[in-house]
Amino acid sequence: MLNRYIEIKARLGLIILSYFFASQRIANSTWQQFERDTARWLMCRGFSDVRLIGGSGDKGADILGVLKGEQWVIQCKHYQKSRLSKKVVQEVFNAAQYYKADKIAISTSQYPSPQLREEIERYEQTYYPLKINLFIPKNLTNDNKLSDYPKSRKQLRRYQGKVVDNFSDALIQVGQGQVVMATGLGKTVVMAETVASLIDSREIKNILVLAHTTPIVNQLHQSFWHQLPKWVPTQQFGDGEKPNSFEGITFALIQSVVNRLETFPPFDLILVDEAHHIGSRSYLRTIKRLNPPMLGGVTATPWRGDGFDLDELLGEPVAQIGIEEGLSNGFLAEVDYRLLADNINWEFVRRRSVNNYSIESLNKKLFLPKRDEKCVQMILEIFKNDKRQSGIIFCQTIGHAEEFAKYLRHYQMRAEVIHHDLKPREREAIMSKFKAGKLDFVVTVDLFNEGVDVPDVDMLVFLRVTHSRRIFVQQLGRGLRWSDEKDKVIVLDFVSDLRRMAQVIQLDNQVRGIGTERVGLGNALVSFDDRSAGSYLKEWMLDQADLFNRINDPSLDQISFDFPEPPDPGNVQ
């Protein structure tokens, strides 16, 4: 195996002996890189749900991880000249108490002094049986227990392997490639495996992976580790951090790159995540300046409001798998989608829809929102009766999310609010609890649109309306990830919005492969509480020619129904 490492070293020109965490890398790294390398090392050692949470106010913790069911808190200390202070011992014990850790550790770039070891022994006697584990350079750089790949490496499903082959071939043969894969189908796994295969086949050496937000850059970086062999180094650029080396894979924030283009070396491949953003000025300027031999992009939602054609830069998609195909072929979790509306005055519809009222104004007049308490009661009844594990609730505002979480907690549900105003480590701590099964619900506004991996979520609730097809698909995709731990995902949609209903019914038709001529209930993606829903749909379709007058809005042809005529009054319950 050592010969294999030497071969890869010679191929990439890397200053490593066996894997990414080498002595010289520790000495030359930034403190942020040292934390990330420690996190990756933990992952290679078999830790699960490893999360970087360091920063001001982190309570003495930089990394959270789980090993054999026990929660670990790790503090990282990177020094090039100064010695490790004794106060680090108190800090890590404080962190253990704050995060209720089972195990604690200090990862350091320096070897501990005798005085520090004495301080550790004193604290261990005071706080017995909690023991401090020391991860020192000798442990970190000479670890023979690491396998070539992390235990968490995901095996490619057949369709993913085909996409990787097509993507790699396109990049090699024509220098460009585009992949469109719905959320939940594993586009990040495809990206990482494509890069790994191109490195292994000696096609590329230096890779730049770009994204448009820091959370997505962080998530991409850490997700790649699951799929990469341990001899490929990774680093990050952006938010004031500049790595000392660009060898291997560099993950970067596009806004930071475009302002420092003169500092970047040539790259063999530039890979863009969420590639529907590639038409922005920042991306276009960066690509023109760096002019890579290979340019690839991956997205779940290839629609841009400005009309930019992704094919101009990336070529036509070499793979295109939407939600419809993913559901039809069993690539995604089964969906039980339930639309809930109330108090529809169809006499008002007949009178007003022919007078050129906008859909927005009609929505406001037609639909009366259910009281939050009633929504909570319905959610909890379904959550318990259908034996759901965890759910995500989308609200319109942060204030609404906070109030709704209070309702959930009033009914003895474990719920937390997560939104962009929280500090990153606070969000990571909440997500760690959520993925560990210590929360029933997270309530959010917009943080789960892109770059979040929560495969075991089996319930989604929409309390907010969005007329963006892209955002709707992204949010729906949070529950579509396939997992051994769930039978299906239940979606409760309280939005009561005409355009949303058009989107959902179109999706239902496409999944069942019947076009737009027929809307069926029963064992379909869309389900209603009773057959009087037919009256609702029928009345809606009679007026759809007047209502759907916006460009690019979903539209449906006149339809027939596969169930008996419903009784009056025809309200949807």
Protein backbone atom coordinates (compact mmCIF):
# COMPACT_ATOMS: atom_id res chain seq x y z
CA MET A 1 0.00 0.00 0.00
CA LEU A 2 2.93 2.35 0.66
CA ASN A 3 3.89 2.03 -3.00
CA ARG A 4 0.40 3.20 -3.85
CA TYR A 5 0.88 6.30 -1.70
CA ILE A 6 4.25 7.04 -3.29
CA GLU A 7 2.72 6.67 -6.75
CA ILE A 8 -0.05 9.12 -5.92
CA LYS A 9 2.45 11.48 -4.32
CA ALA A 10 4.61 11.49 -7.47
CA ARG A 11 1.54 11.86 -9.68
CA LEU A 12 0.16 14.89 -7.88
CA GLY A 13 3.46 16.42 -6.84
CA LEU A 14 2.24 16.53 -3.24
CA ILE A 15 4.46 16.94 -0.20
CA ILE A 16 3.01 14.01 1.72
CA LEU A 17 4.19 10.57 2.70
CA SER A 18 1.02 8.65 3.33
CA TYR A 19 -2.05 10.87 3.62
CA PHE A 20 -3.33 14.44 3.89
CA PHE A 21 -2.30 15.05 7.52
CA ALA A 22 1.50 15.37 7.26
CA SER A 23 3.93 17.11 9.62
CA GLN A 24 4.80 19.82 7.12
CA ARG A 25 1.11 20.46 6.47
CA ILE A 26 0.49 20.91 10.20
CA ALA A 27 3.38 23.35 10.50
CA ASN A 28 2.28 25.46 7.51
CA SER A 29 -1.49 25.33 7.89
CA THR A 30 -3.86 27.98 9.16
CA TRP A 31 -5.75 27.32 12.37
CA GLN A 32 -8.93 26.83 10.31
CA GLN A 33 -7.24 24.22 8.14
CA PHE A 34 -5.90 22.46 11.23
CA GLU A 35 -9.43 22.21 12.61
CA ARG A 36 -10.75 20.83 9.32
CA ASP A 37 -7.90 18.34 9.00
CA THR A 38 -8.60 17.16 12.55
CA ALA A 39 -12.28 16.75 11.65
CA ARG A 40 -11.38 14.73 8.55
CA TRP A 41 -8.97 12.61 10.60
CA LEU A 42 -11.78 11.87 13.07
CA MET A 43 -14.01 10.85 10.18
CA CYS A 44 -11.28 8.52 8.91
CA ARG A 45 -11.05 7.06 12.41
CA GLY A 46 -14.74 6.07 12.25
CA PHE A 47 -16.46 9.06 13.88
CA SER A 48 -19.91 9.93 12.56
CA ASP A 49 -21.75 13.26 12.25
CA VAL A 50 -18.51 15.22 12.63
CA ARG A 51 -19.27 18.96 12.83
CA LEU A 52 -17.04 22.02 12.96
CA ILE A 53 -18.50 24.55 15.38
CA GLY A 54 -15.47 26.63 16.41
CA GLY A 55 -15.51 30.38 16.70
CA SER A 56 -16.03 33.19 19.16
CA GLY A 57 -18.34 32.06 21.95
CA ASP A 58 -18.00 28.36 21.12
CA LYS A 59 -17.82 27.47 24.84
CA GLY A 60 -14.45 25.83 24.33
CA ALA A 61 -15.49 23.37 21.60
CA ASP A 62 -14.31 23.34 17.99
CA ILE A 63 -15.57 19.95 16.79
CA LEU A 64 -18.49 17.70 17.73
CA GLY A 65 -18.49 14.04 16.75
CA VAL A 66 -20.06 10.72 17.63
CA LEU A 67 -18.18 7.44 18.08
CA LYS A 68 -19.90 4.23 19.17
CA GLY A 69 -22.92 6.19 20.34
CA GLU A 70 -20.91 8.58 22.51
CA GLN A 71 -20.80 12.35 21.96
CA TRP A 72 -17.28 13.76 21.72
CA VAL A 73 -16.21 17.38 22.13
CA ILE A 74 -12.80 18.26 20.65
CA GLN A 75 -10.90 21.51 21.09
CA CYS A 76 -8.20 22.32 18.53
CA LYS A 77 -5.12 24.38 19.29
CA HIS A 78 -2.80 25.31 16.44
CA TYR A 79 0.43 27.08 17.36
CA GLN A 80 3.57 27.58 15.29
CA LYS A 81 5.77 29.13 17.98
CA SER A 82 3.98 29.63 21.31
CA ARG A 83 3.34 26.81 23.76
CA LEU A 84 -0.01 25.32 24.69
CA SER A 85 -1.45 27.14 27.73
CA LYS A 86 -2.76 25.29 30.78
CA LYS A 87 -6.07 27.14 30.49
CA VAL A 88 -7.01 24.92 27.56
CA VAL A 89 -7.76 22.19 30.11
CA GLN A 90 -10.41 24.25 31.87
CA GLU A 91 -11.84 25.32 28.50
CA VAL A 92 -12.35 21.77 27.26
CA PHE A 93 -13.94 20.68 30.54
CA ASN A 94 -16.31 23.67 30.36
CA ALA A 95 -17.19 22.61 26.82
CA ALA A 96 -17.88 19.06 27.99
CA GLN A 97 -20.37 20.35 30.54
CA TYR A 98 -22.04 22.75 28.10
CA TYR A 99 -22.49 20.18 25.32
CA LYS A 100 -23.13 17.28 27.73
CA ALA A 101 -20.26 15.33 26.19
CA ASP A 102 -19.41 11.72 26.96
CA LYS A 103 -15.80 12.11 25.80
CA ILE A 104 -13.45 15.06 25.36
CA ALA A 105 -10.16 15.62 23.54
CA ILE A 106 -7.59 18.25 22.67
CA SER A 107 -6.05 18.21 19.20
CA THR A 108 -2.85 20.23 19.11
CA SER A 109 -0.03 21.06 16.70
CA GLN A 110 2.39 21.17 19.65
CA TYR A 111 3.57 18.47 22.01
CA PRO A 112 2.25 19.07 25.55
CA SER A 113 4.63 20.24 28.27
CA PRO A 114 5.01 18.38 31.60
CA GLN A 115 3.13 21.23 33.29
CA LEU A 116 0.19 20.75 30.93
CA ARG A 117 0.10 17.01 31.58
CA GLU A 118 0.04 17.71 35.32
CA GLU A 119 -2.89 20.09 34.86
CA ILE A 120 -4.75 17.45 32.83
CA GLU A 121 -4.19 14.86 35.57
CA ARG A 122 -5.46 17.29 38.23
CA TYR A 123 -8.68 18.00 36.31
CA GLU A 124 -9.26 14.32 35.56
CA GLN A 125 -9.11 13.53 39.28
CA THR A 126 -11.56 16.35 39.99
CA TYR A 127 -14.02 15.45 37.23
CA TYR A 128 -13.60 11.65 37.29
CA PRO A 129 -14.48 9.62 35.21
CA LEU A 130 -14.16 12.22 32.40
CA LYS A 131 -10.76 11.81 30.78
CA ILE A 132 -8.97 14.13 28.34
CA ASN A 133 -7.70 12.46 25.18
CA LEU A 134 -4.70 14.12 23.55
CA PHE A 135 -4.33 14.13 19.76
CA ILE A 136 -0.75 15.25 19.19
CA PRO A 137 1.32 15.40 15.97
CA LYS A 138 2.64 11.89 16.53
CA ASN A 139 -0.95 10.55 16.61
CA LEU A 140 -2.17 12.69 13.75
CA THR A 141 0.63 12.19 11.23
CA ASN A 142 1.57 8.56 11.82
CA ASP A 143 -1.79 6.86 12.01
CA ASN A 144 -1.59 3.38 10.53
CA LYS A 145 -5.14 2.55 11.55
CA LEU A 146 -6.70 4.62 8.80
CA SER A 147 -8.24 2.78 5.87
CA ASP A 148 -7.91 4.17 2.35
CA TYR A 149 -11.47 5.54 2.50
CA PRO A 150 -13.68 6.55 5.45
CA LYS A 151 -16.15 3.98 6.71
CA SER A 152 -18.87 6.50 5.88
CA ARG A 153 -18.10 6.30 2.17
CA LYS A 154 -21.33 5.89 0.22
CA GLN A 155 -21.48 3.16 -2.38
CA LEU A 156 -22.75 4.47 -5.69
CA ARG A 157 -26.18 3.38 -6.77
CA ARG A 158 -26.36 2.18 -10.37
CA TYR A 159 -27.73 5.43 -11.80
CA GLN A 160 -25.11 7.45 -9.88
CA GLY A 161 -22.30 5.35 -11.32
CA LYS A 162 -23.61 5.97 -14.81
CA VAL A 163 -23.76 9.73 -14.20
CA VAL A 164 -20.15 9.71 -12.89
CA ASP A 165 -18.99 7.89 -16.04
CA ASN A 166 -20.84 10.30 -18.36
CA PHE A 167 -19.65 13.37 -16.46
CA SER A 168 -16.02 12.23 -16.41
CA ASP A 169 -16.06 11.34 -20.12
CA ALA A 170 -17.52 14.73 -21.06
CA LEU A 171 -14.91 16.63 -19.04
CA ILE A 172 -12.06 14.63 -20.58
CA GLN A 173 -13.30 14.63 -24.16
CA VAL A 174 -14.79 18.12 -24.63
CA GLY A 175 -13.62 19.99 -21.51
CA GLN A 176 -17.10 20.81 -20.25
CA GLY A 177 -19.90 18.96 -18.53
CA GLN A 178 -23.27 19.67 -16.93
CA VAL A 179 -25.25 17.42 -14.61
CA VAL A 180 -28.84 18.12 -13.56
CA MET A 181 -29.97 15.97 -10.65
CA ALA A 182 -32.91 16.63 -8.36
CA THR A 183 -32.26 17.24 -4.70
CA GLY A 184 -31.95 13.92 -2.93
CA LEU A 185 -30.38 12.00 -5.80
CA GLY A 186 -26.81 12.44 -4.56
CA LYS A 187 -25.32 15.18 -6.72
CA THR A 188 -22.57 15.90 -4.15
CA VAL A 189 -21.60 12.23 -4.14
CA VAL A 190 -21.47 12.33 -7.95
CA MET A 191 -19.25 15.43 -7.87
CA ALA A 192 -16.84 13.91 -5.35
CA GLU A 193 -16.64 10.56 -7.14
CA THR A 194 -16.06 12.27 -10.48
CA VAL A 195 -13.16 14.27 -9.05
CA ALA A 196 -11.72 11.17 -7.36
CA SER A 197 -11.90 9.16 -10.58
CA LEU A 198 -10.23 11.92 -12.63
CA ILE A 199 -7.42 12.19 -10.06
CA ASP A 200 -6.99 8.42 -10.01
CA SER A 201 -6.82 8.27 -13.81
CA ARG A 202 -4.13 10.99 -13.82
CA GLU A 203 -6.34 13.40 -15.75
CA ILE A 204 -6.21 16.23 -13.20
CA LYS A 205 -4.03 17.42 -10.31
CA ASN A 206 -5.41 20.74 -9.01
CA ILE A 207 -9.17 21.28 -8.67
CA LEU A 208 -11.18 24.36 -7.69
CA VAL A 209 -14.72 23.76 -6.39
CA LEU A 210 -16.86 26.91 -6.25
CA ALA A 211 -20.11 27.77 -4.49
CA HIS A 212 -21.97 31.01 -3.77
CA THR A 213 -22.47 30.87 0.02
CA THR A 214 -20.18 29.99 2.90
CA PRO A 215 -22.52 27.32 4.36
CA ILE A 216 -22.59 25.52 1.00
CA VAL A 217 -18.79 25.74 0.67
CA ASN A 218 -18.43 24.26 4.17
CA GLN A 219 -20.98 21.53 3.50
CA LEU A 220 -19.42 20.63 0.14
CA HIS A 221 -15.93 20.46 1.61
CA GLN A 222 -16.93 18.11 4.40
CA SER A 223 -19.18 16.00 2.18
CA PHE A 224 -16.33 15.33 -0.25
CA TRP A 225 -14.28 13.76 2.55
CA HIS A 226 -16.64 10.78 2.67
CA GLN A 227 -15.79 9.86 -0.92
CA LEU A 228 -12.11 10.85 -1.21
CA PRO A 229 -9.10 8.59 -0.66
CA LYS A 230 -7.04 9.75 2.28
CA TRP A 231 -4.03 10.78 0.16
CA VAL A 232 -5.91 13.67 -1.55
CA PRO A 233 -5.51 16.91 0.44
CA THR A 234 -8.26 19.54 0.62
CA GLN A 235 -8.29 23.16 1.70
CA GLN A 236 -10.56 26.20 1.70
CA PHE A 237 -10.40 29.78 0.42
CA GLY A 238 -12.69 32.59 1.54
CA ASP A 239 -13.92 34.62 4.51
CA GLY A 240 -10.40 35.85 5.21
CA GLU A 241 -8.76 32.43 4.92
CA LYS A 242 -6.09 31.71 2.32
CA PRO A 243 -4.43 28.29 2.20
CA ASN A 244 -0.68 27.90 1.86
CA SER A 245 -1.09 25.38 -0.94
CA PHE A 246 -3.62 24.82 -3.72
CA GLU A 247 -2.57 21.21 -4.32
CA GLY A 248 -5.39 18.71 -4.41
CA ILE A 249 -8.88 20.20 -4.04
CA THR A 250 -9.58 23.81 -3.04
CA PHE A 251 -13.11 24.73 -2.00
CA ALA A 252 -13.85 28.43 -2.37
CA LEU A 253 -16.48 31.12 -2.04
CA ILE A 254 -16.98 32.76 -5.44
CA GLN A 255 -17.25 36.26 -3.95
CA SER A 256 -13.81 35.85 -2.35
CA VAL A 257 -12.24 34.35 -5.47
CA VAL A 258 -13.37 37.07 -7.85
CA ASN A 259 -11.70 39.71 -5.68
CA ARG A 260 -8.36 37.84 -5.54
CA LEU A 261 -8.06 36.32 -9.00
CA GLU A 262 -4.47 37.43 -9.39
CA THR A 263 -3.43 35.19 -6.47
CA PHE A 264 -4.80 31.99 -7.98
CA PRO A 265 -2.70 29.44 -9.89
CA PRO A 266 -4.00 27.53 -12.92
CA PHE A 267 -6.45 24.71 -12.20
CA ASP A 268 -7.03 21.58 -14.26
CA LEU A 269 -10.71 21.59 -13.38
CA ILE A 270 -13.18 24.14 -12.03
CA LEU A 271 -16.34 22.58 -10.67
CA VAL A 272 -19.37 24.73 -9.82
CA ASP A 273 -22.02 23.59 -7.36
CA GLU A 274 -25.54 25.03 -7.63
CA ALA A 275 -24.54 25.81 -11.22
CA HIS A 276 -27.75 27.74 -11.93
CA HIS A 277 -25.80 30.69 -10.45
CA ILE A 278 -23.03 30.41 -13.05
CA GLY A 279 -24.46 33.20 -15.21
CA SER A 280 -23.67 35.84 -12.58
CA ARG A 281 -20.91 38.38 -13.21
CA SER A 282 -18.68 36.92 -10.52
CA TYR A 283 -18.70 33.44 -12.06
CA LEU A 284 -18.31 34.69 -15.63
CA ARG A 285 -15.35 36.88 -14.71
CA THR A 286 -13.67 34.10 -12.72
CA ILE A 287 -14.07 31.50 -15.45
CA LYS A 288 -12.78 33.88 -18.12
CA ARG A 289 -9.73 34.83 -16.04
CA LEU A 290 -8.75 31.30 -14.90
CA ASN A 291 -9.78 29.66 -18.19
CA PRO A 292 -9.57 26.04 -16.99
CA PRO A 293 -9.10 23.14 -19.44
CA MET A 294 -12.12 21.51 -17.81
CA LEU A 295 -15.28 23.23 -16.53
CA GLY A 296 -18.13 21.35 -14.90
CA GLY A 297 -21.35 22.30 -13.16
CA VAL A 298 -23.97 20.45 -11.14
CA THR A 299 -27.41 21.70 -10.17
CA ALA A 300 -30.78 20.44 -9.03
CA THR A 301 -32.67 23.41 -10.46
CA PRO A 302 -31.39 24.63 -13.84
CA TRP A 303 -33.80 27.58 -14.08
CA ARG A 304 -32.53 31.15 -13.97
CA GLY A 305 -34.74 34.18 -13.69
CA ASP A 306 -32.46 36.19 -15.98
CA GLY A 307 -32.79 33.65 -18.78
CA PHE A 308 -29.07 32.78 -18.93
CA ASP A 309 -28.52 29.53 -20.82
CA LEU A 310 -26.29 27.20 -18.78
CA ASP A 311 -25.54 25.20 -21.92
CA GLU A 312 -23.44 28.10 -23.25
CA LEU A 313 -20.74 27.44 -20.66
CA LEU A 314 -21.31 23.83 -19.66
CA GLY A 315 -22.72 22.19 -22.76
CA GLU A 316 -25.92 20.23 -22.80
CA PRO A 317 -26.54 18.10 -19.70
CA VAL A 318 -24.78 14.73 -19.84
CA ALA A 319 -27.30 13.53 -17.25
CA GLN A 320 -30.68 14.96 -16.37
CA ILE A 321 -32.70 13.27 -13.64
CA GLY A 322 -35.60 15.26 -12.20
CA ILE A 323 -37.83 14.62 -9.24
CA GLU A 324 -40.39 13.01 -11.54
CA GLU A 325 -37.95 10.42 -12.88
CA GLY A 326 -36.40 9.94 -9.45
CA LEU A 327 -39.78 9.13 -7.92
CA SER A 328 -40.94 6.97 -10.82
CA ASN A 329 -37.78 4.84 -10.74
CA GLY A 330 -37.52 4.49 -7.00
CA PHE A 331 -34.37 6.63 -6.72
CA LEU A 332 -36.13 8.87 -4.20
CA ALA A 333 -38.30 8.19 -1.19
CA GLU A 334 -41.99 7.55 -1.75
CA VAL A 335 -44.06 10.72 -1.25
CA ASP A 336 -47.43 11.09 0.45
CA TYR A 337 -48.34 14.68 -0.46
CA ARG A 338 -51.39 16.21 1.24
CA LEU A 339 -52.76 19.59 0.22
CA LEU A 340 -54.93 21.24 2.85
CA ALA A 341 -57.16 24.24 2.06
CA ASP A 342 -60.20 25.77 3.70
CA ASN A 343 -63.07 28.22 3.28
CA ILE A 344 -63.11 28.46 -0.50
CA ASN A 345 -65.94 30.69 -1.68
CA TRP A 346 -66.53 29.46 -5.20
CA GLU A 347 -69.34 31.93 -5.87
CA PHE A 348 -66.74 34.65 -5.27
CA VAL A 349 -64.40 32.90 -7.72
CA ARG A 350 -67.04 32.92 -10.45
CA ARG A 351 -67.78 36.60 -9.95
CA ARG A 352 -64.25 37.89 -9.59
CA SER A 353 -61.91 35.76 -11.64
CA VAL A 354 -63.27 37.13 -14.93
CA ASN A 355 -62.46 40.72 -13.89
CA ASN A 356 -58.67 40.39 -14.36
CA TYR A 357 -57.85 40.15 -10.69
CA SER A 358 -54.30 38.98 -10.12
CA ILE A 359 -53.71 35.56 -8.64
CA GLU A 360 -52.04 37.22 -5.66
CA SER A 361 -55.10 39.31 -4.82
CA LEU A 362 -57.43 36.34 -5.35
CA ASN A 363 -55.34 34.18 -3.07
CA LYS A 364 -55.64 36.77 -0.32
CA LYS A 365 -59.41 36.86 -0.67
CA LEU A 366 -60.09 33.19 -1.33
CA PHE A 367 -58.09 31.47 1.36
CA LEU A 368 -58.33 32.06 5.07
CA PRO A 369 -55.25 30.79 6.90
CA LYS A 370 -55.80 28.16 9.52
CA ARG A 371 -54.90 29.11 13.05
CA ASP A 372 -51.42 27.91 14.02
CA GLU A 373 -52.78 25.93 16.93
CA LYS A 374 -55.08 23.96 14.64
CA CYS A 375 -52.17 23.33 12.27
CA VAL A 376 -50.05 22.05 15.14
CA GLN A 377 -52.79 19.68 16.25
CA MET A 378 -53.13 18.24 12.75
CA ILE A 379 -49.35 17.93 12.35
CA LEU A 380 -48.93 16.14 15.66
CA GLU A 381 -51.81 13.78 15.01
CA ILE A 382 -50.27 12.68 11.72
CA PHE A 383 -46.74 12.65 13.19
CA LYS A 384 -47.82 10.22 15.90
CA ASN A 385 -50.32 8.11 13.97
CA ASP A 386 -47.96 7.61 11.03
CA LYS A 387 -44.98 7.04 13.35
CA ARG A 388 -42.74 9.71 11.84
CA GLN A 389 -39.14 10.13 13.00
CA SER A 390 -38.41 13.79 12.31
CA GLY A 391 -39.77 16.73 10.38
CA ILE A 392 -38.88 20.10 8.87
CA ILE A 393 -41.41 22.94 8.97
CA PHE A 394 -41.08 25.89 6.57
CA CYS A 395 -42.48 29.22 7.83
CA GLN A 396 -42.83 32.63 6.21
CA THR A 397 -40.80 34.69 8.72
CA ILE A 398 -38.40 34.16 11.60
CA GLY A 399 -41.01 35.50 14.01
CA HIS A 400 -43.59 33.04 12.76
CA ALA A 401 -41.06 30.20 13.02
CA GLU A 402 -40.28 31.08 16.64
CA GLU A 403 -43.97 31.25 17.58
CA PHE A 404 -44.74 27.98 15.82
CA ALA A 405 -41.90 26.23 17.64
CA LYS A 406 -43.39 27.44 20.91
CA TYR A 407 -46.70 25.80 19.98
CA LEU A 408 -44.89 22.54 19.26
CA ARG A 409 -43.05 22.63 22.59
CA HIS A 410 -46.35 23.38 24.34
CA TYR A 411 -47.55 20.02 23.04
CA GLN A 412 -44.42 18.30 24.40
CA MET A 413 -42.64 18.09 21.07
CA ARG A 414 -38.88 18.62 20.86
CA ALA A 415 -38.53 21.55 18.46
CA GLU A 416 -35.91 24.19 17.69
CA VAL A 417 -35.82 27.14 15.30
CA ILE A 418 -32.96 27.46 12.82
CA HIS A 419 -32.48 30.55 10.64
CA HIS A 420 -29.83 32.76 9.06
CA ASP A 421 -29.63 35.12 12.05
CA LEU A 422 -28.17 32.37 14.25
CA LYS A 423 -24.41 32.03 14.45
CA PRO A 424 -23.03 29.11 12.39
CA ARG A 425 -22.00 27.10 15.47
CA GLU A 426 -25.52 27.50 16.93
CA ARG A 427 -26.99 26.15 13.70
CA GLU A 428 -24.51 23.27 13.69
CA ALA A 429 -25.32 22.40 17.30
CA ILE A 430 -29.05 22.30 16.49
CA MET A 431 -28.45 20.17 13.38
CA SER A 432 -26.25 17.81 15.40
CA LYS A 433 -29.10 17.27 17.86
CA PHE A 434 -31.57 16.88 14.99
CA LYS A 435 -29.52 14.24 13.15
CA ALA A 436 -28.85 12.44 16.44
CA GLY A 437 -32.61 12.02 16.99
CA LYS A 438 -32.80 14.44 19.92
CA LEU A 439 -35.30 16.73 18.14
CA ASP A 440 -38.66 15.95 16.55
CA PHE A 441 -38.86 19.11 14.43
CA VAL A 442 -36.72 21.95 13.17
CA VAL A 443 -38.67 25.04 12.15
CA THR A 444 -37.04 27.26 9.54
CA VAL A 445 -37.57 29.92 6.89
CA ASP A 446 -34.97 29.54 4.15
CA LEU A 447 -31.92 27.64 5.40
CA PHE A 448 -32.93 24.29 3.92
CA ASN A 449 -33.17 25.41 0.31
CA GLU A 450 -29.62 24.41 -0.70
CA GLY A 451 -26.77 22.37 0.63
CA VAL A 452 -28.35 20.49 3.55
CA ASP A 453 -28.22 16.71 3.91
CA VAL A 454 -30.89 15.24 6.20
CA PRO A 455 -31.72 11.85 4.65
CA ASP A 456 -33.77 10.46 7.55
CA VAL A 457 -36.34 13.27 7.55
CA ASP A 458 -39.71 11.68 6.83
CA MET A 459 -42.08 14.64 7.25
CA LEU A 460 -42.20 18.09 5.64
CA VAL A 461 -44.66 20.85 6.47
CA PHE A 462 -45.18 23.95 4.31
CA LEU A 463 -46.66 26.93 6.15
CA ARG A 464 -45.20 29.44 3.69
CA VAL A 465 -45.86 30.13 0.05
CA THR A 466 -43.20 30.49 -2.60
CA HIS A 467 -43.94 31.12 -6.26
CA SER A 468 -40.40 30.13 -7.18
CA ARG A 469 -40.37 26.71 -8.77
CA ARG A 470 -36.69 26.39 -7.88
CA ILE A 471 -37.19 27.07 -4.15
CA PHE A 472 -40.26 24.83 -3.99
CA VAL A 473 -38.36 21.92 -5.57
CA GLN A 474 -35.35 22.49 -3.30
CA GLN A 475 -37.48 22.53 -0.16
CA LEU A 476 -39.46 19.48 -1.26
CA GLY A 477 -36.16 17.75 -1.94
CA ARG A 478 -35.19 17.92 1.75
CA GLY A 479 -37.49 14.97 2.38
CA LEU A 480 -36.92 13.02 -0.82
CA ARG A 481 -33.54 11.53 0.06
CA TRP A 482 -33.71 7.76 0.10
CA SER A 483 -32.87 6.10 3.41
CA ASP A 484 -33.13 2.63 4.92
CA GLU A 485 -34.66 4.26 7.99
CA LYS A 486 -37.87 5.54 6.41
CA ASP A 487 -40.75 4.10 4.41
CA LYS A 488 -41.89 7.38 2.84
CA VAL A 489 -42.02 11.12 3.38
CA ILE A 490 -45.32 12.76 4.31
CA VAL A 491 -45.73 16.33 3.03
CA LEU A 492 -48.38 18.56 4.61
CA ASP A 493 -48.98 21.66 2.51
CA PHE A 494 -51.09 24.31 4.29
CA VAL A 495 -50.19 26.98 1.75
CA SER A 496 -53.58 27.17 -0.03
CA ASP A 497 -52.18 28.95 -3.07
CA LEU A 498 -53.44 28.42 -6.61
CA ARG A 499 -50.05 28.37 -8.30
CA ARG A 500 -48.66 25.96 -5.71
CA MET A 501 -51.57 23.61 -6.38
CA ALA A 502 -50.85 23.78 -10.09
CA GLN A 503 -47.20 22.90 -9.48
CA VAL A 504 -48.08 19.94 -7.27
CA ILE A 505 -50.70 18.54 -9.65
CA GLN A 506 -48.32 18.87 -12.58
CA LEU A 507 -45.68 17.02 -10.59
CA ASP A 508 -48.21 14.29 -9.79
CA ASN A 509 -49.11 13.89 -13.44
CA GLN A 510 -45.48 13.75 -14.54
CA VAL A 511 -44.59 11.16 -11.92
CA ARG A 512 -47.41 8.91 -13.07
CA GLY A 513 -46.57 9.53 -16.73
CA ILE A 514 -50.05 10.62 -17.82
CA GLY A 515 -49.41 14.08 -19.20
CA THR A 516 -51.82 16.89 -18.32
CA GLU A 517 -55.17 15.50 -19.43
CA ARG A 518 -56.26 13.74 -16.27
CA VAL A 519 -56.06 14.33 -12.53
CA GLY A 520 -56.61 11.25 -10.42
CA LEU A 521 -56.94 10.84 -6.70
CA GLY A 522 -56.46 7.76 -4.61
CA ASN A 523 -53.01 6.16 -4.79
CA ALA A 524 -51.42 9.27 -6.26
CA LEU A 525 -48.80 11.71 -5.15
CA VAL A 526 -51.50 14.27 -4.32
CA SER A 527 -54.13 13.21 -1.82
CA PHE A 528 -57.02 15.04 -0.20
CA ASP A 529 -59.07 14.30 2.87
CA ASP A 530 -62.26 13.46 0.99
CA ARG A 531 -63.67 13.20 -2.52
CA SER A 532 -65.23 16.63 -2.34
CA ALA A 533 -61.80 17.77 -3.45
CA GLY A 534 -63.05 16.96 -6.93
CA SER A 535 -65.47 19.87 -6.76
CA TYR A 536 -62.64 22.16 -5.82
CA LEU A 537 -60.50 21.03 -8.74
CA LYS A 538 -63.39 21.18 -11.17
CA GLU A 539 -64.30 24.73 -10.21
CA TRP A 540 -60.67 25.74 -10.37
CA MET A 541 -60.21 24.32 -13.84
CA LEU A 542 -63.32 26.13 -15.12
CA ASP A 543 -61.65 29.40 -14.22
CA GLN A 544 -58.05 28.52 -15.01
CA ALA A 545 -58.03 30.31 -18.35
CA ASP A 546 -58.75 33.59 -16.55
CA LEU A 547 -56.52 32.95 -13.57
CA PHE A 548 -53.31 31.68 -15.15
CA ASN A 549 -52.22 34.66 -17.15
CA ARG A 550 -48.60 35.00 -16.00
CA ILE A 551 -45.72 33.96 -18.22
CA ASN A 552 -44.06 30.70 -17.17
CA ASP A 553 -46.75 29.88 -14.60
CA PRO A 554 -47.78 26.25 -14.44
CA SER A 555 -50.84 25.57 -16.60
CA LEU A 556 -53.11 22.58 -17.06
CA ASP A 557 -55.33 21.49 -19.91
CA GLN A 558 -59.03 20.90 -19.31
CA ILE A 559 -59.34 17.61 -17.48
CA SER A 560 -61.67 14.77 -16.59
CA PHE A 561 -61.83 13.12 -13.19
CA ASP A 562 -61.56 9.46 -12.30
CA PHE A 563 -64.00 9.54 -9.40
CA PRO A 564 -67.76 10.23 -9.02
CA GLU A 565 -69.14 13.77 -8.93
CA PRO A 566 -68.75 14.95 -5.33
CA PRO A 567 -71.62 16.22 -3.19
CA ASP A 568 -72.08 19.88 -2.26
CA PRO A 569 -70.66 22.09 -0.89
CA GLY A 570 -67.38 20.80 -2.33
CA ASN A 571 -64.96 22.37 0.13
CA VAL A 572 -61.54 20.84 0.58
CA GLN A 573 -61.07 19.89 4.21
